[in-house]
Amino acid sequence: MPILIAMLMVVFCFVAPMSMAAQSADVESSIKSINTQKLTITLEDGKTYSLPAEFNFEGLAAGVKVIVYYTVVDGVRVLDDIQVLN
């Protein structure tokens, strides 16, 4: 029985950090600014999100209300998807 518990602890120690490596979240806010040169978008809360190289900026401008779906990778918020709200 102690061997089984020890094995489970070892497995947990390897699996737990993997689940925390990339944190996904979403936020609803208005766009404060868009930087097409640096491929970033900043929301009214002051947080900046990195955009993929092939990102389509159509329909996005300062003041537009959006829901941003993002993942935190190495401390950087990387945009996964964005939804424009009416």
C-alpha atoms as a PDB file:
ATOM      1  CA  MET A   1       0.000   0.000   0.000  1.00  0.00           C
ATOM      2  CA  PRO A   2       2.766   2.542   0.782  1.00  0.00           C
ATOM      3  CA  ILE A   3       4.303   1.818  -2.630  1.00  0.00           C
ATOM      4  CA  LEU A   4       0.988   2.585  -4.348  1.00  0.00           C
ATOM      5  CA  ILE A   5       0.683   5.890  -2.491  1.00  0.00           C
ATOM      6  CA  ALA A   6       4.262   6.792  -3.386  1.00  0.00           C
ATOM      7  CA  MET A   7       3.613   6.015  -7.052  1.00  0.00           C
ATOM      8  CA  LEU A   8       0.474   8.155  -7.067  1.00  0.00           C
ATOM      9  CA  MET A   9       2.401  11.043  -5.503  1.00  0.00           C
ATOM     10  CA  VAL A  10       5.090  10.805  -8.183  1.00  0.00           C
ATOM     11  CA  VAL A  11       2.480  10.825 -10.960  1.00  0.00           C
ATOM     12  CA  PHE A  12       0.723  13.808  -9.369  1.00  0.00           C
ATOM     13  CA  CYS A  13       3.997  15.747  -9.139  1.00  0.00           C
ATOM     14  CA  PHE A  14       4.488  15.373 -12.895  1.00  0.00           C
ATOM     15  CA  VAL A  15       0.884  15.974 -13.973  1.00  0.00           C
ATOM     16  CA  ALA A  16       0.003  18.954 -11.738  1.00  0.00           C
ATOM     17  CA  PRO A  17       2.477  21.435 -13.283  1.00  0.00           C
ATOM     18  CA  MET A  18       1.307  20.529 -16.793  1.00  0.00           C
ATOM     19  CA  SER A  19      -2.217  21.645 -16.009  1.00  0.00           C
ATOM     20  CA  MET A  20      -0.924  25.022 -14.833  1.00  0.00           C
ATOM     21  CA  ALA A  21       1.481  25.665 -17.720  1.00  0.00           C
ATOM     22  CA  ALA A  22      -1.040  27.540 -19.857  1.00  0.00           C
ATOM     23  CA  GLN A  23      -4.025  29.238 -18.279  1.00  0.00           C
ATOM     24  CA  SER A  24      -7.018  29.995 -20.489  1.00  0.00           C
ATOM     25  CA  ALA A  25      -9.462  32.746 -19.644  1.00  0.00           C
ATOM     26  CA  ASP A  26     -11.774  35.332 -21.159  1.00  0.00           C
ATOM     27  CA  VAL A  27     -12.532  38.974 -20.463  1.00  0.00           C
ATOM     28  CA  GLU A  28     -15.257  41.376 -21.603  1.00  0.00           C
ATOM     29  CA  SER A  29     -14.133  44.958 -22.172  1.00  0.00           C
ATOM     30  CA  SER A  30     -13.773  47.719 -24.747  1.00  0.00           C
ATOM     31  CA  ILE A  31     -10.754  48.139 -26.985  1.00  0.00           C
ATOM     32  CA  LYS A  32      -8.503  50.987 -25.886  1.00  0.00           C
ATOM     33  CA  SER A  33      -5.947  50.717 -28.695  1.00  0.00           C
ATOM     34  CA  ILE A  34      -4.686  48.457 -31.467  1.00  0.00           C
ATOM     35  CA  ASN A  35      -1.051  48.285 -32.573  1.00  0.00           C
ATOM     36  CA  THR A  36      -0.877  46.612 -35.983  1.00  0.00           C
ATOM     37  CA  GLN A  37       2.929  46.937 -36.069  1.00  0.00           C
ATOM     38  CA  LYS A  38       3.508  45.055 -32.791  1.00  0.00           C
ATOM     39  CA  LEU A  39       0.417  42.840 -33.271  1.00  0.00           C
ATOM     40  CA  THR A  40      -1.089  43.772 -29.911  1.00  0.00           C
ATOM     41  CA  ILE A  41      -4.448  44.910 -28.650  1.00  0.00           C
ATOM     42  CA  THR A  42      -4.955  46.818 -25.403  1.00  0.00           C
ATOM     43  CA  LEU A  43      -8.265  46.820 -23.574  1.00  0.00           C
ATOM     44  CA  GLU A  44      -9.737  49.530 -21.327  1.00  0.00           C
ATOM     45  CA  ASP A  45      -8.426  47.681 -18.255  1.00  0.00           C
ATOM     46  CA  GLY A  46      -4.891  48.411 -19.515  1.00  0.00           C
ATOM     47  CA  LYS A  47      -3.971  44.793 -20.245  1.00  0.00           C
ATOM     48  CA  THR A  48      -2.287  44.028 -23.559  1.00  0.00           C
ATOM     49  CA  TYR A  49      -2.811  40.865 -25.606  1.00  0.00           C
ATOM     50  CA  SER A  50      -0.483  39.479 -28.289  1.00  0.00           C
ATOM     51  CA  LEU A  51      -2.076  38.626 -31.619  1.00  0.00           C
ATOM     52  CA  PRO A  52      -1.165  35.949 -34.173  1.00  0.00           C
ATOM     53  CA  ALA A  53       0.653  37.097 -37.330  1.00  0.00           C
ATOM     54  CA  GLU A  54      -2.318  36.306 -39.591  1.00  0.00           C
ATOM     55  CA  PHE A  55      -4.800  38.254 -37.428  1.00  0.00           C
ATOM     56  CA  ASN A  56      -7.682  40.026 -39.233  1.00  0.00           C
ATOM     57  CA  PHE A  57      -8.302  43.488 -37.746  1.00  0.00           C
ATOM     58  CA  GLU A  58     -11.542  44.000 -39.692  1.00  0.00           C
ATOM     59  CA  GLY A  59     -14.338  45.395 -37.517  1.00  0.00           C
ATOM     60  CA  LEU A  60     -12.018  46.252 -34.631  1.00  0.00           C
ATOM     61  CA  ALA A  61     -11.332  49.807 -33.477  1.00  0.00           C
ATOM     62  CA  ALA A  62     -10.923  51.774 -30.270  1.00  0.00           C
ATOM     63  CA  GLY A  63     -14.168  51.823 -28.300  1.00  0.00           C
ATOM     64  CA  VAL A  64     -15.559  48.553 -29.705  1.00  0.00           C
ATOM     65  CA  LYS A  65     -16.837  46.239 -26.965  1.00  0.00           C
ATOM     66  CA  VAL A  66     -15.427  42.700 -27.216  1.00  0.00           C
ATOM     67  CA  ILE A  67     -14.967  39.412 -25.433  1.00  0.00           C
ATOM     68  CA  VAL A  68     -11.337  38.310 -25.633  1.00  0.00           C
ATOM     69  CA  TYR A  69     -10.477  34.636 -25.194  1.00  0.00           C
ATOM     70  CA  TYR A  70      -6.816  34.223 -24.346  1.00  0.00           C
ATOM     71  CA  THR A  71      -4.155  31.946 -22.916  1.00  0.00           C
ATOM     72  CA  VAL A  72      -1.328  33.023 -20.625  1.00  0.00           C
ATOM     73  CA  VAL A  73       1.942  31.612 -21.964  1.00  0.00           C
ATOM     74  CA  ASP A  74       5.136  32.439 -20.073  1.00  0.00           C
ATOM     75  CA  GLY A  75       3.431  35.454 -18.503  1.00  0.00           C
ATOM     76  CA  VAL A  76       2.204  36.828 -21.856  1.00  0.00           C
ATOM     77  CA  ARG A  77      -1.517  37.034 -22.677  1.00  0.00           C
ATOM     78  CA  VAL A  78      -1.925  35.488 -26.151  1.00  0.00           C
ATOM     79  CA  LEU A  79      -5.249  36.018 -27.921  1.00  0.00           C
ATOM     80  CA  ASP A  80      -7.005  32.805 -28.967  1.00  0.00           C
ATOM     81  CA  ASP A  81     -10.252  34.344 -30.225  1.00  0.00           C
ATOM     82  CA  ILE A  82     -12.173  37.604 -30.100  1.00  0.00           C
ATOM     83  CA  GLN A  83     -15.909  38.244 -30.305  1.00  0.00           C
ATOM     84  CA  VAL A  84     -17.346  41.683 -31.115  1.00  0.00           C
ATOM     85  CA  LEU A  85     -20.402  42.551 -29.020  1.00  0.00           C
ATOM     86  CA  ASN A  86     -23.292  44.655 -30.337  1.00  0.00           C
END
